[in-house]
Amino acid sequence: MTNSKKENIEVELRGPLSKEKFLELENFFKNNGNFKSNKERVLIDYSTFLPEEGIEKRQKDIRLRVTNGVPEIVVKLGNWGGDENREEISVLAKEGNFDNLVKIFGILGLQKGMLCVRKSKVYDYQEIEFALVEVPDHSFYFEAEKVISREDDIENTRKEIREVCHGLGLDIFDEEGFFKYINTLNKEANEVFEFDNHHDTYFKDRFNL
């Protein structure tokens, strides 16, 4: 049996933003980039509570998310951190079905996750997708991403993204800084979701999903 070829490899760098830098970048991209979308997102990260995955050592990032009302099952394979390349596999569902997806996952045994709410503004700049992300009532960060199909191109793509970020005056998380930020978010901004507290219209009632 041969291994399947990886597709949709996300090469992604992240870093912290002050509110002032967030607004500066927003203005810069409005004038120098191409606006793609505003994203209102709610997600459940299940891998945080899986014994074989967790935070720092995970190789499978399993989550449900809903973006601008559209639910999605997402699995990302590979190491994660501030600077990463992972294969993403995702399936979209119909609007209004997020609670059903949560119920299915719960029945299959995924009953505990980290619930996160994010707002982002997404732009294309120099063939890189930049998401300016707000964690409501907490903090800001950016994601700079390019999707490629060849593993041989990972290092060159990473170098390209890093150079553009440096040109914009952006700091990039190293692995230690990234996981420190994730742990801070989990303590201060995110919340633990327990399937035992879910009912058929939980997310519809709470987030109008």
C-alpha atoms as a PDB file:
ATOM      1  CA  MET A   1       0.000   0.000   0.000  1.00  0.00           C
ATOM      2  CA  THR A   2       1.365   3.416  -0.929  1.00  0.00           C
ATOM      3  CA  ASN A   3       0.885   6.546   1.132  1.00  0.00           C
ATOM      4  CA  SER A   4      -1.625   9.004  -0.223  1.00  0.00           C
ATOM      5  CA  LYS A   5      -0.241  12.242  -1.567  1.00  0.00           C
ATOM      6  CA  LYS A   6      -0.679  15.241   0.679  1.00  0.00           C
ATOM      7  CA  GLU A   7      -2.793  18.059  -0.697  1.00  0.00           C
ATOM      8  CA  ASN A   8      -3.722  21.487   0.644  1.00  0.00           C
ATOM      9  CA  ILE A   9      -0.659  21.929   2.829  1.00  0.00           C
ATOM     10  CA  GLU A  10      -1.075  25.097   4.862  1.00  0.00           C
ATOM     11  CA  VAL A  11       2.160  26.937   5.517  1.00  0.00           C
ATOM     12  CA  GLU A  12       1.251  29.371   8.262  1.00  0.00           C
ATOM     13  CA  LEU A  13       2.954  31.805  10.603  1.00  0.00           C
ATOM     14  CA  ARG A  14       1.294  33.588  13.494  1.00  0.00           C
ATOM     15  CA  GLY A  15       2.225  36.404  15.786  1.00  0.00           C
ATOM     16  CA  PRO A  16       0.868  38.781  18.417  1.00  0.00           C
ATOM     17  CA  LEU A  17      -0.648  42.167  17.671  1.00  0.00           C
ATOM     18  CA  SER A  18      -1.358  45.155  19.844  1.00  0.00           C
ATOM     19  CA  LYS A  19      -4.653  46.906  19.185  1.00  0.00           C
ATOM     20  CA  GLU A  20      -2.698  49.761  17.626  1.00  0.00           C
ATOM     21  CA  LYS A  21      -0.825  47.417  15.266  1.00  0.00           C
ATOM     22  CA  PHE A  22      -4.085  45.638  14.405  1.00  0.00           C
ATOM     23  CA  LEU A  23      -5.642  48.963  13.326  1.00  0.00           C
ATOM     24  CA  GLU A  24      -2.464  50.010  11.497  1.00  0.00           C
ATOM     25  CA  LEU A  25      -2.428  46.763   9.505  1.00  0.00           C
ATOM     26  CA  GLU A  26      -6.132  46.987   8.772  1.00  0.00           C
ATOM     27  CA  ASN A  27      -5.619  50.436   7.265  1.00  0.00           C
ATOM     28  CA  PHE A  28      -2.517  49.287   5.367  1.00  0.00           C
ATOM     29  CA  PHE A  29      -4.230  46.259   3.836  1.00  0.00           C
ATOM     30  CA  LYS A  30      -7.273  48.328   2.881  1.00  0.00           C
ATOM     31  CA  ASN A  31      -4.984  50.495   0.761  1.00  0.00           C
ATOM     32  CA  ASN A  32      -2.397  47.985  -0.387  1.00  0.00           C
ATOM     33  CA  GLY A  33      -4.032  44.543  -0.302  1.00  0.00           C
ATOM     34  CA  ASN A  34      -7.241  42.881  -1.455  1.00  0.00           C
ATOM     35  CA  PHE A  35     -10.042  42.475   1.072  1.00  0.00           C
ATOM     36  CA  LYS A  36     -11.477  38.945   1.140  1.00  0.00           C
ATOM     37  CA  SER A  37     -13.926  38.697   4.019  1.00  0.00           C
ATOM     38  CA  ASN A  38     -14.945  39.384   7.577  1.00  0.00           C
ATOM     39  CA  LYS A  39     -15.227  36.157   9.560  1.00  0.00           C
ATOM     40  CA  GLU A  40     -17.343  35.529  12.632  1.00  0.00           C
ATOM     41  CA  ARG A  41     -16.275  32.144  13.956  1.00  0.00           C
ATOM     42  CA  VAL A  42     -17.193  29.791  16.790  1.00  0.00           C
ATOM     43  CA  LEU A  43     -15.162  26.613  17.120  1.00  0.00           C
ATOM     44  CA  ILE A  44     -14.696  23.631  19.390  1.00  0.00           C
ATOM     45  CA  ASP A  45     -11.138  22.300  19.615  1.00  0.00           C
ATOM     46  CA  TYR A  46     -11.441  18.667  20.733  1.00  0.00           C
ATOM     47  CA  SER A  47      -7.761  17.742  20.508  1.00  0.00           C
ATOM     48  CA  THR A  48      -6.844  19.715  23.627  1.00  0.00           C
ATOM     49  CA  PHE A  49      -8.542  17.069  25.775  1.00  0.00           C
ATOM     50  CA  LEU A  50      -7.530  13.945  23.873  1.00  0.00           C
ATOM     51  CA  PRO A  51      -4.835  12.056  25.871  1.00  0.00           C
ATOM     52  CA  GLU A  52      -2.824  11.247  22.761  1.00  0.00           C
ATOM     53  CA  GLU A  53      -2.934  14.828  21.445  1.00  0.00           C
ATOM     54  CA  GLY A  54      -3.226  17.708  23.954  1.00  0.00           C
ATOM     55  CA  ILE A  55      -1.699  21.086  23.163  1.00  0.00           C
ATOM     56  CA  GLU A  56       2.039  20.994  22.546  1.00  0.00           C
ATOM     57  CA  LYS A  57       2.394  17.465  21.183  1.00  0.00           C
ATOM     58  CA  ARG A  58      -0.654  17.140  18.980  1.00  0.00           C
ATOM     59  CA  GLN A  59      -0.420  15.662  15.499  1.00  0.00           C
ATOM     60  CA  LYS A  60      -4.169  15.600  14.805  1.00  0.00           C
ATOM     61  CA  ASP A  61      -6.093  18.825  15.237  1.00  0.00           C
ATOM     62  CA  ILE A  62      -9.761  17.811  15.400  1.00  0.00           C
ATOM     63  CA  ARG A  63     -12.379  20.515  15.558  1.00  0.00           C
ATOM     64  CA  LEU A  64     -15.833  21.648  14.617  1.00  0.00           C
ATOM     65  CA  ARG A  65     -16.257  25.240  13.562  1.00  0.00           C
ATOM     66  CA  VAL A  66     -18.865  27.516  12.102  1.00  0.00           C
ATOM     67  CA  THR A  67     -17.811  30.546  10.082  1.00  0.00           C
ATOM     68  CA  ASN A  68     -20.350  33.179   9.089  1.00  0.00           C
ATOM     69  CA  GLY A  69     -23.088  30.643   9.765  1.00  0.00           C
ATOM     70  CA  VAL A  70     -21.558  27.769   7.767  1.00  0.00           C
ATOM     71  CA  PRO A  71     -20.615  24.673   9.845  1.00  0.00           C
ATOM     72  CA  GLU A  72     -17.536  22.641   9.048  1.00  0.00           C
ATOM     73  CA  ILE A  73     -15.690  19.535  10.208  1.00  0.00           C
ATOM     74  CA  VAL A  74     -11.938  20.164  10.176  1.00  0.00           C
ATOM     75  CA  VAL A  75      -8.973  17.865  10.732  1.00  0.00           C
ATOM     76  CA  LYS A  76      -5.415  19.169  10.426  1.00  0.00           C
ATOM     77  CA  LEU A  77      -2.486  16.747  10.357  1.00  0.00           C
ATOM     78  CA  GLY A  78       1.025  17.582  11.508  1.00  0.00           C
ATOM     79  CA  ASN A  79       2.860  19.674  14.072  1.00  0.00           C
ATOM     80  CA  TRP A  80       1.361  22.980  15.067  1.00  0.00           C
ATOM     81  CA  GLY A  81       2.898  26.094  16.560  1.00  0.00           C
ATOM     82  CA  GLY A  82       3.484  29.708  15.595  1.00  0.00           C
ATOM     83  CA  ASP A  83       5.280  28.536  12.445  1.00  0.00           C
ATOM     84  CA  GLU A  84       3.788  25.413  10.899  1.00  0.00           C
ATOM     85  CA  ASN A  85       2.846  23.394   7.862  1.00  0.00           C
ATOM     86  CA  ARG A  86      -0.096  21.041   8.107  1.00  0.00           C
ATOM     87  CA  GLU A  87      -2.422  19.174   5.793  1.00  0.00           C
ATOM     88  CA  GLU A  88      -6.036  20.260   6.181  1.00  0.00           C
ATOM     89  CA  ILE A  89      -9.051  18.058   5.482  1.00  0.00           C
ATOM     90  CA  SER A  90     -12.456  19.690   5.825  1.00  0.00           C
ATOM     91  CA  VAL A  91     -16.102  19.072   5.004  1.00  0.00           C
ATOM     92  CA  LEU A  92     -18.762  21.774   4.939  1.00  0.00           C
ATOM     93  CA  ALA A  93     -22.262  21.211   6.282  1.00  0.00           C
ATOM     94  CA  LYS A  94     -25.526  23.049   5.742  1.00  0.00           C
ATOM     95  CA  GLU A  95     -26.297  26.163   7.722  1.00  0.00           C
ATOM     96  CA  GLY A  96     -28.263  25.425  10.873  1.00  0.00           C
ATOM     97  CA  ASN A  97     -26.651  22.001  11.396  1.00  0.00           C
ATOM     98  CA  PHE A  98     -23.889  22.893  13.847  1.00  0.00           C
ATOM     99  CA  ASP A  99     -25.777  21.481  16.847  1.00  0.00           C
ATOM    100  CA  ASN A 100     -26.285  18.235  14.918  1.00  0.00           C
ATOM    101  CA  LEU A 101     -22.546  17.982  14.247  1.00  0.00           C
ATOM    102  CA  VAL A 102     -21.799  18.550  17.931  1.00  0.00           C
ATOM    103  CA  LYS A 103     -24.308  15.818  18.808  1.00  0.00           C
ATOM    104  CA  ILE A 104     -22.747  13.370  16.332  1.00  0.00           C
ATOM    105  CA  PHE A 105     -19.269  14.052  17.708  1.00  0.00           C
ATOM    106  CA  GLY A 106     -20.565  13.586  21.238  1.00  0.00           C
ATOM    107  CA  ILE A 107     -22.147  10.229  20.393  1.00  0.00           C
ATOM    108  CA  LEU A 108     -18.849   9.160  18.784  1.00  0.00           C
ATOM    109  CA  GLY A 109     -17.035   9.929  22.040  1.00  0.00           C
ATOM    110  CA  LEU A 110     -15.738  13.466  21.492  1.00  0.00           C
ATOM    111  CA  GLN A 111     -17.459  15.032  24.460  1.00  0.00           C
ATOM    112  CA  LYS A 112     -15.058  17.678  25.715  1.00  0.00           C
ATOM    113  CA  GLY A 113     -13.452  20.550  23.871  1.00  0.00           C
ATOM    114  CA  MET A 114     -12.206  24.092  24.104  1.00  0.00           C
ATOM    115  CA  LEU A 115     -14.863  26.534  22.920  1.00  0.00           C
ATOM    116  CA  CYS A 116     -13.432  29.601  21.180  1.00  0.00           C
ATOM    117  CA  VAL A 117     -14.961  32.715  19.626  1.00  0.00           C
ATOM    118  CA  ARG A 118     -12.998  34.696  17.046  1.00  0.00           C
ATOM    119  CA  LYS A 119     -13.544  37.663  14.746  1.00  0.00           C
ATOM    120  CA  SER A 120     -11.203  38.287  11.847  1.00  0.00           C
ATOM    121  CA  LYS A 121     -10.634  40.474   8.825  1.00  0.00           C
ATOM    122  CA  VAL A 122      -8.988  38.651   5.929  1.00  0.00           C
ATOM    123  CA  TYR A 123      -6.869  40.172   3.160  1.00  0.00           C
ATOM    124  CA  ASP A 124      -4.602  38.993   0.352  1.00  0.00           C
ATOM    125  CA  TYR A 125      -1.259  40.758   0.246  1.00  0.00           C
ATOM    126  CA  GLN A 126       1.647  39.737  -1.984  1.00  0.00           C
ATOM    127  CA  GLU A 127      -0.065  36.383  -2.657  1.00  0.00           C
ATOM    128  CA  ILE A 128      -0.286  35.634   1.079  1.00  0.00           C
ATOM    129  CA  GLU A 129      -3.517  35.472   3.044  1.00  0.00           C
ATOM    130  CA  PHE A 130      -3.401  37.619   6.162  1.00  0.00           C
ATOM    131  CA  ALA A 131      -6.074  37.231   8.829  1.00  0.00           C
ATOM    132  CA  LEU A 132      -6.209  39.942  11.502  1.00  0.00           C
ATOM    133  CA  VAL A 133      -7.838  38.136  14.405  1.00  0.00           C
ATOM    134  CA  GLU A 134      -9.611  39.553  17.442  1.00  0.00           C
ATOM    135  CA  VAL A 135     -10.209  37.458  20.528  1.00  0.00           C
ATOM    136  CA  PRO A 136     -13.211  39.385  21.891  1.00  0.00           C
ATOM    137  CA  ASP A 137     -12.488  41.321  25.084  1.00  0.00           C
ATOM    138  CA  HIS A 138      -8.967  39.897  25.246  1.00  0.00           C
ATOM    139  CA  SER A 139      -6.288  40.289  22.553  1.00  0.00           C
ATOM    140  CA  PHE A 140      -5.289  40.333  18.896  1.00  0.00           C
ATOM    141  CA  TYR A 141      -3.021  38.267  16.645  1.00  0.00           C
ATOM    142  CA  PHE A 142      -2.369  37.651  12.964  1.00  0.00           C
ATOM    143  CA  GLU A 143      -2.197  34.575  10.768  1.00  0.00           C
ATOM    144  CA  ALA A 144      -0.191  34.659   7.527  1.00  0.00           C
ATOM    145  CA  GLU A 145      -0.888  31.667   5.322  1.00  0.00           C
ATOM    146  CA  LYS A 146      -0.204  30.230   1.920  1.00  0.00           C
ATOM    147  CA  VAL A 147      -1.633  26.916   0.678  1.00  0.00           C
ATOM    148  CA  ILE A 148       0.622  24.745  -1.446  1.00  0.00           C
ATOM    149  CA  SER A 149       0.406  21.236  -2.880  1.00  0.00           C
ATOM    150  CA  ARG A 150       4.083  20.177  -2.906  1.00  0.00           C
ATOM    151  CA  GLU A 151       5.996  19.323   0.261  1.00  0.00           C
ATOM    152  CA  ASP A 152       9.191  20.331  -1.530  1.00  0.00           C
ATOM    153  CA  ASP A 153       7.956  23.943  -1.534  1.00  0.00           C
ATOM    154  CA  ILE A 154       7.421  24.223   2.238  1.00  0.00           C
ATOM    155  CA  GLU A 155      10.742  25.810   3.198  1.00  0.00           C
ATOM    156  CA  ASN A 156      10.751  28.352   0.384  1.00  0.00           C
ATOM    157  CA  THR A 157       7.155  29.273   1.153  1.00  0.00           C
ATOM    158  CA  ARG A 158       7.924  29.659   4.843  1.00  0.00           C
ATOM    159  CA  LYS A 159      10.870  31.921   3.996  1.00  0.00           C
ATOM    160  CA  GLU A 160       8.674  33.993   1.664  1.00  0.00           C
ATOM    161  CA  ILE A 161       6.001  34.524   4.319  1.00  0.00           C
ATOM    162  CA  ARG A 162       8.571  35.346   6.982  1.00  0.00           C
ATOM    163  CA  GLU A 163      10.198  38.004   4.779  1.00  0.00           C
ATOM    164  CA  VAL A 164       6.870  39.682   4.047  1.00  0.00           C
ATOM    165  CA  CYS A 165       5.961  39.648   7.741  1.00  0.00           C
ATOM    166  CA  HIS A 166       9.293  41.222   8.651  1.00  0.00           C
ATOM    167  CA  GLY A 167       8.709  43.868   5.993  1.00  0.00           C
ATOM    168  CA  LEU A 168       5.456  44.732   7.749  1.00  0.00           C
ATOM    169  CA  GLY A 169       7.197  45.001  11.107  1.00  0.00           C
ATOM    170  CA  LEU A 170       5.486  41.903  12.532  1.00  0.00           C
ATOM    171  CA  ASP A 171       6.806  39.697  15.307  1.00  0.00           C
ATOM    172  CA  ILE A 172       6.328  35.960  14.768  1.00  0.00           C
ATOM    173  CA  PHE A 173       5.624  33.508  17.558  1.00  0.00           C
ATOM    174  CA  ASP A 174       8.326  30.998  18.280  1.00  0.00           C
ATOM    175  CA  GLU A 175       7.081  27.647  19.541  1.00  0.00           C
ATOM    176  CA  GLU A 176       7.426  28.544  23.211  1.00  0.00           C
ATOM    177  CA  GLY A 177       5.685  31.898  22.773  1.00  0.00           C
ATOM    178  CA  PHE A 178       2.863  30.366  20.761  1.00  0.00           C
ATOM    179  CA  PHE A 179       2.016  27.702  23.305  1.00  0.00           C
ATOM    180  CA  LYS A 180       2.274  30.233  26.125  1.00  0.00           C
ATOM    181  CA  TYR A 181      -0.314  32.365  24.304  1.00  0.00           C
ATOM    182  CA  ILE A 182      -2.594  29.364  23.682  1.00  0.00           C
ATOM    183  CA  ASN A 183      -2.485  28.460  27.374  1.00  0.00           C
ATOM    184  CA  THR A 184      -3.278  32.071  28.282  1.00  0.00           C
ATOM    185  CA  LEU A 185      -6.262  32.082  25.923  1.00  0.00           C
ATOM    186  CA  ASN A 186      -7.518  28.807  27.387  1.00  0.00           C
ATOM    187  CA  LYS A 187      -7.357  30.265  30.890  1.00  0.00           C
ATOM    188  CA  GLU A 188      -8.652  33.768  30.182  1.00  0.00           C
ATOM    189  CA  ALA A 189     -10.728  33.858  26.973  1.00  0.00           C
ATOM    190  CA  ASN A 190     -11.807  30.385  25.850  1.00  0.00           C
ATOM    191  CA  GLU A 191     -14.063  28.066  27.823  1.00  0.00           C
ATOM    192  CA  VAL A 192     -14.359  24.339  28.343  1.00  0.00           C
ATOM    193  CA  PHE A 193     -17.280  22.791  26.463  1.00  0.00           C
ATOM    194  CA  GLU A 194     -18.857  19.683  27.985  1.00  0.00           C
ATOM    195  CA  PHE A 195     -21.216  17.617  25.836  1.00  0.00           C
ATOM    196  CA  ASP A 196     -23.201  16.758  28.973  1.00  0.00           C
ATOM    197  CA  ASN A 197     -24.393  20.381  28.972  1.00  0.00           C
ATOM    198  CA  HIS A 198     -25.415  20.320  25.306  1.00  0.00           C
ATOM    199  CA  HIS A 199     -29.001  20.167  24.101  1.00  0.00           C
ATOM    200  CA  ASP A 200     -30.432  20.100  20.588  1.00  0.00           C
ATOM    201  CA  THR A 201     -30.519  23.903  20.181  1.00  0.00           C
ATOM    202  CA  TYR A 202     -27.597  24.886  22.441  1.00  0.00           C
ATOM    203  CA  PHE A 203     -25.531  26.734  19.837  1.00  0.00           C
ATOM    204  CA  LYS A 204     -28.581  28.040  18.015  1.00  0.00           C
ATOM    205  CA  ASP A 205     -29.870  29.571  21.230  1.00  0.00           C
ATOM    206  CA  ARG A 206     -26.522  30.899  22.394  1.00  0.00           C
ATOM    207  CA  PHE A 207     -24.889  32.083  19.152  1.00  0.00           C
ATOM    208  CA  ASN A 208     -27.789  32.039  16.656  1.00  0.00           C
ATOM    209  CA  LEU A 209     -26.038  29.374  14.604  1.00  0.00           C
END
